[in-house]
């Protein structure tokens, strides 16, 4: 299966090309999706002597994560899928970050603006997500959790707060780097969206905005 994967929700913009198990990737670490995103995609396809129509799937990280990054990557992926007729697969940032077979309970964290996170907790009761101020999210998700907690993703600002709640932390490395590689791997077994238009991004905690001042009459 030949899969082109894109991500701009996590760690800048990255792209990956899965050629029947041989993985090629580029980017990551820089938020340059607008400046170099299409060029990077063209370089990957050209290096493999492939056209878009030769792909079996296009995959994209749908967030949560960078609000602007999600919008750009999803727009790229939808446009490429529409133009080529190739099926489109959306992959959650939580799935891209959490390593395979992470011991439960498992918390996956995506950093937002300072003091804000989105997180998913998976345990024997299922999966729950929350976005907002860090302390509030941890209170909501970790209530009733005890013992050892697996933690993956953007952990820098949460490990100490988790420990303060009496939990033992098992810090895990991400599934793969750059994130587009993890997205390509996961897309092998995921069902494509019915149509590119039907694929919905997950923006998580949206950026703070200022209310416009009322004009004096």
Protein backbone atom coordinates (compact mmCIF):
# COMPACT_ATOMS: atom_id res chain seq x y z
CA UNK A 1 0.00 0.00 0.00
CA UNK A 2 1.29 3.45 -0.94
CA UNK A 3 0.29 6.20 1.50
CA UNK A 4 1.10 9.90 1.61
CA UNK A 5 0.73 11.29 5.15
CA UNK A 6 0.71 14.92 6.30
CA UNK A 7 0.72 16.54 9.71
CA UNK A 8 0.94 20.12 10.93
CA UNK A 9 -0.86 19.71 14.25
CA UNK A 10 2.24 18.45 16.06
CA UNK A 11 5.87 19.58 15.92
CA UNK A 12 5.62 21.79 12.84
CA UNK A 13 4.85 20.42 9.37
CA UNK A 14 5.90 16.92 8.39
CA UNK A 15 5.17 14.60 5.49
CA UNK A 16 5.79 10.90 5.03
CA UNK A 17 5.50 8.42 2.19
CA UNK A 18 4.84 4.77 2.98
CA UNK A 19 5.89 2.62 0.03
CA UNK A 20 4.61 -0.84 0.96
CA UNK A 21 6.42 -0.64 4.30
CA UNK A 22 9.41 1.42 3.20
CA UNK A 23 9.03 4.78 4.96
CA UNK A 24 10.37 8.09 3.65
CA UNK A 25 9.79 11.33 5.50
CA UNK A 26 10.66 14.99 5.60
CA UNK A 27 10.13 18.01 7.80
CA UNK A 28 9.08 18.36 11.40
CA UNK A 29 10.13 20.91 13.98
CA UNK A 30 9.25 23.99 11.91
CA UNK A 31 5.84 25.53 11.30
CA UNK A 32 6.52 26.04 7.59
CA UNK A 33 3.47 24.37 6.06
CA UNK A 34 2.56 27.42 4.01
CA UNK A 35 6.12 28.15 2.90
CA UNK A 36 7.35 24.63 2.13
CA UNK A 37 4.46 22.20 2.58
CA UNK A 38 3.57 21.63 -1.05
CA UNK A 39 7.22 21.61 -2.04
CA UNK A 40 7.95 18.90 0.52
CA UNK A 41 5.05 16.80 -0.75
CA UNK A 42 6.26 17.18 -4.34
CA UNK A 43 9.79 16.22 -3.33
CA UNK A 44 8.61 13.01 -1.65
CA UNK A 45 6.45 11.96 -4.58
CA UNK A 46 9.08 12.93 -7.14
CA UNK A 47 11.81 11.04 -5.29
CA UNK A 48 9.66 7.90 -5.54
CA UNK A 49 8.65 8.60 -9.16
CA UNK A 50 4.99 8.65 -8.11
CA UNK A 51 2.02 10.79 -9.10
CA UNK A 52 -0.87 11.42 -6.71
CA UNK A 53 -3.07 8.99 -8.67
CA UNK A 54 -0.54 6.22 -7.92
CA UNK A 55 -1.33 6.41 -4.19
CA UNK A 56 -3.71 4.08 -2.39
CA UNK A 57 -4.46 6.55 0.40
CA UNK A 58 -3.76 10.06 1.61
CA UNK A 59 -3.68 10.48 5.39
CA UNK A 60 -3.67 13.60 7.53
CA UNK A 61 -3.43 14.46 11.21
CA UNK A 62 -6.77 16.03 12.18
CA UNK A 63 -5.69 17.41 15.57
CA UNK A 64 -5.93 18.53 18.22
CA UNK A 65 -2.80 20.64 18.16
CA UNK A 66 -1.79 23.80 16.36
CA UNK A 67 -5.03 25.48 15.25
CA UNK A 68 -3.44 27.03 12.16
CA UNK A 69 -1.45 23.89 11.40
CA UNK A 70 -4.52 21.66 11.48
CA UNK A 71 -6.35 23.98 9.11
CA UNK A 72 -3.49 24.04 6.61
CA UNK A 73 -2.75 20.30 6.62
CA UNK A 74 -6.41 19.30 6.36
CA UNK A 75 -6.93 21.79 3.53
CA UNK A 76 -3.91 20.37 1.66
CA UNK A 77 -5.07 16.78 2.19
CA UNK A 78 -8.64 17.45 1.10
CA UNK A 79 -7.51 19.30 -2.02
CA UNK A 80 -5.10 16.51 -2.98
CA UNK A 81 -7.73 13.84 -2.35
CA UNK A 82 -10.38 15.69 -4.36
CA UNK A 83 -8.03 16.30 -7.24
CA UNK A 84 -6.69 12.75 -7.45
CA UNK A 85 -9.70 10.71 -6.36
CA UNK A 86 -7.52 8.96 -3.74
CA UNK A 87 -9.28 7.96 -0.47
CA UNK A 88 -8.59 10.23 2.51
CA UNK A 89 -7.94 9.00 6.07
CA UNK A 90 -7.96 11.19 9.17
CA UNK A 91 -5.80 10.30 12.19
CA UNK A 92 -6.17 11.83 15.64
CA UNK A 93 -3.14 13.48 17.25
CA UNK A 94 -3.76 11.29 20.29
CA UNK A 95 -3.34 8.13 18.20
CA UNK A 96 -0.26 9.53 16.45
CA UNK A 97 1.42 10.28 19.79
CA UNK A 98 0.46 7.27 21.91
CA UNK A 99 2.85 4.35 21.33
CA UNK A 100 1.49 0.97 20.33
CA UNK A 101 0.45 -1.24 23.25
CA UNK A 102 0.83 1.54 25.82
CA UNK A 103 -0.01 0.06 29.25
CA UNK A 104 -3.32 1.26 30.67
CA UNK A 105 -4.25 3.64 32.12
CA UNK A 106 -2.68 5.81 29.41
CA UNK A 107 -2.80 9.60 29.19
CA UNK A 108 -1.85 11.31 25.92
CA UNK A 109 -1.22 15.05 26.08
CA UNK A 110 -1.22 17.68 23.34
CA UNK A 111 0.09 21.12 24.30
CA UNK A 112 -1.91 24.21 23.44
CA UNK A 113 -1.19 27.80 24.29
CA UNK A 114 0.65 28.34 27.63
CA UNK A 115 -1.25 26.74 30.49
CA UNK A 116 -3.68 24.92 28.20
CA UNK A 117 -3.69 21.28 27.05
CA UNK A 118 -5.87 18.73 25.33
CA UNK A 119 -5.62 15.19 26.68
CA UNK A 120 -7.08 11.73 26.27
CA UNK A 121 -7.25 9.10 29.00
CA UNK A 122 -7.68 5.46 28.02
CA UNK A 123 -8.40 2.93 30.75
CA UNK A 124 -10.59 -0.12 31.33
CA UNK A 125 -13.66 2.14 31.17
CA UNK A 126 -12.89 3.37 27.65
CA UNK A 127 -11.53 6.68 26.38
CA UNK A 128 -12.29 10.22 27.55
CA UNK A 129 -10.94 13.55 26.29
CA UNK A 130 -10.84 17.09 27.63
CA UNK A 131 -9.33 20.43 26.66
CA UNK A 132 -8.69 23.52 28.77
CA UNK A 133 -6.44 24.76 31.59
CA UNK A 134 -3.95 22.07 32.55
CA UNK A 135 -5.06 21.59 36.17
CA UNK A 136 -8.73 21.46 35.19
CA UNK A 137 -8.13 18.85 32.49
CA UNK A 138 -6.09 16.64 34.81
CA UNK A 139 -8.71 16.92 37.55
CA UNK A 140 -11.46 15.87 35.15
CA UNK A 141 -9.65 12.98 33.53
CA UNK A 142 -7.65 11.54 36.43
CA UNK A 143 -10.37 11.51 39.10
CA UNK A 144 -10.49 7.95 40.42
CA UNK A 145 -7.22 6.93 38.72
CA UNK A 146 -4.58 5.36 40.97
CA UNK A 147 -1.26 3.55 40.72
CA UNK A 148 0.95 3.89 37.64
CA UNK A 149 -0.08 6.10 34.73
CA UNK A 150 1.47 5.87 31.24
CA UNK A 151 1.98 9.36 29.82
CA UNK A 152 2.91 10.27 26.26
CA UNK A 153 2.90 13.37 24.07
CA UNK A 154 3.75 16.89 25.28
CA UNK A 155 4.53 15.91 28.85
CA UNK A 156 6.83 18.73 29.99
CA UNK A 157 4.17 20.78 31.79
CA UNK A 158 2.10 17.94 33.22
CA UNK A 159 4.41 15.37 34.82
CA UNK A 160 4.89 17.31 38.05
CA UNK A 161 1.17 18.00 38.35
CA UNK A 162 0.37 14.33 37.79
CA UNK A 163 2.85 13.31 40.49
CA UNK A 164 1.20 15.79 42.87
CA UNK A 165 -1.99 13.75 42.49
CA UNK A 166 -0.27 10.69 43.97
CA UNK A 167 0.26 8.82 40.70
CA UNK A 168 3.43 7.11 39.56
CA UNK A 169 4.35 8.28 36.06
CA UNK A 170 5.57 5.97 33.29
CA UNK A 171 6.78 8.39 30.56
CA UNK A 172 6.61 6.90 27.05
CA UNK A 173 8.23 7.95 23.80
CA UNK A 174 5.93 8.92 20.89
CA UNK A 175 4.83 6.23 18.45
CA UNK A 176 7.16 7.59 15.72
CA UNK A 177 8.97 10.74 14.60
CA UNK A 178 8.17 12.88 12.75
CA UNK A 179 4.41 12.61 13.44
CA UNK A 180 3.58 12.06 9.76
CA UNK A 181 5.35 8.67 9.97
CA UNK A 182 3.00 7.55 12.76
CA UNK A 183 0.03 8.81 10.73
CA UNK A 184 1.14 6.82 7.68
CA UNK A 185 1.54 3.68 9.78
CA UNK A 186 -1.90 4.03 11.35
CA UNK A 187 -3.59 4.81 8.03
CA UNK A 188 -2.80 1.32 6.75
CA UNK A 189 -5.63 -0.14 8.83
CA UNK A 190 -8.08 2.76 9.20
CA UNK A 191 -11.24 3.24 7.17
CA UNK A 192 -11.12 6.22 4.80
CA UNK A 193 -13.59 9.07 5.14
CA UNK A 194 -16.74 8.54 3.00
CA UNK A 195 -15.78 11.71 1.12
CA UNK A 196 -12.96 14.22 1.63
CA UNK A 197 -15.56 16.80 2.63
CA UNK A 198 -16.82 14.55 5.45
CA UNK A 199 -13.45 14.51 7.21
CA UNK A 200 -13.74 16.80 10.24
CA UNK A 201 -10.78 18.39 12.05
CA UNK A 202 -10.47 18.39 15.84
CA UNK A 203 -9.32 21.86 16.85
CA UNK A 204 -9.41 21.11 20.57
CA UNK A 205 -9.10 24.28 22.65
CA UNK A 206 -9.53 27.09 20.13
CA UNK A 207 -7.27 30.15 20.29
CA UNK A 208 -8.30 32.98 22.58
CA UNK A 209 -9.87 35.90 20.73
CA UNK A 210 -10.63 39.43 21.75
CA UNK A 211 -14.15 40.72 21.48
CA UNK A 212 -14.38 43.73 19.17
CA UNK A 213 -15.00 46.96 20.98
CA UNK A 214 -18.42 48.44 20.49
CA UNK A 215 -18.32 51.61 18.45
CA UNK A 216 -19.66 54.70 20.03
CA UNK A 217 -22.54 56.28 18.22
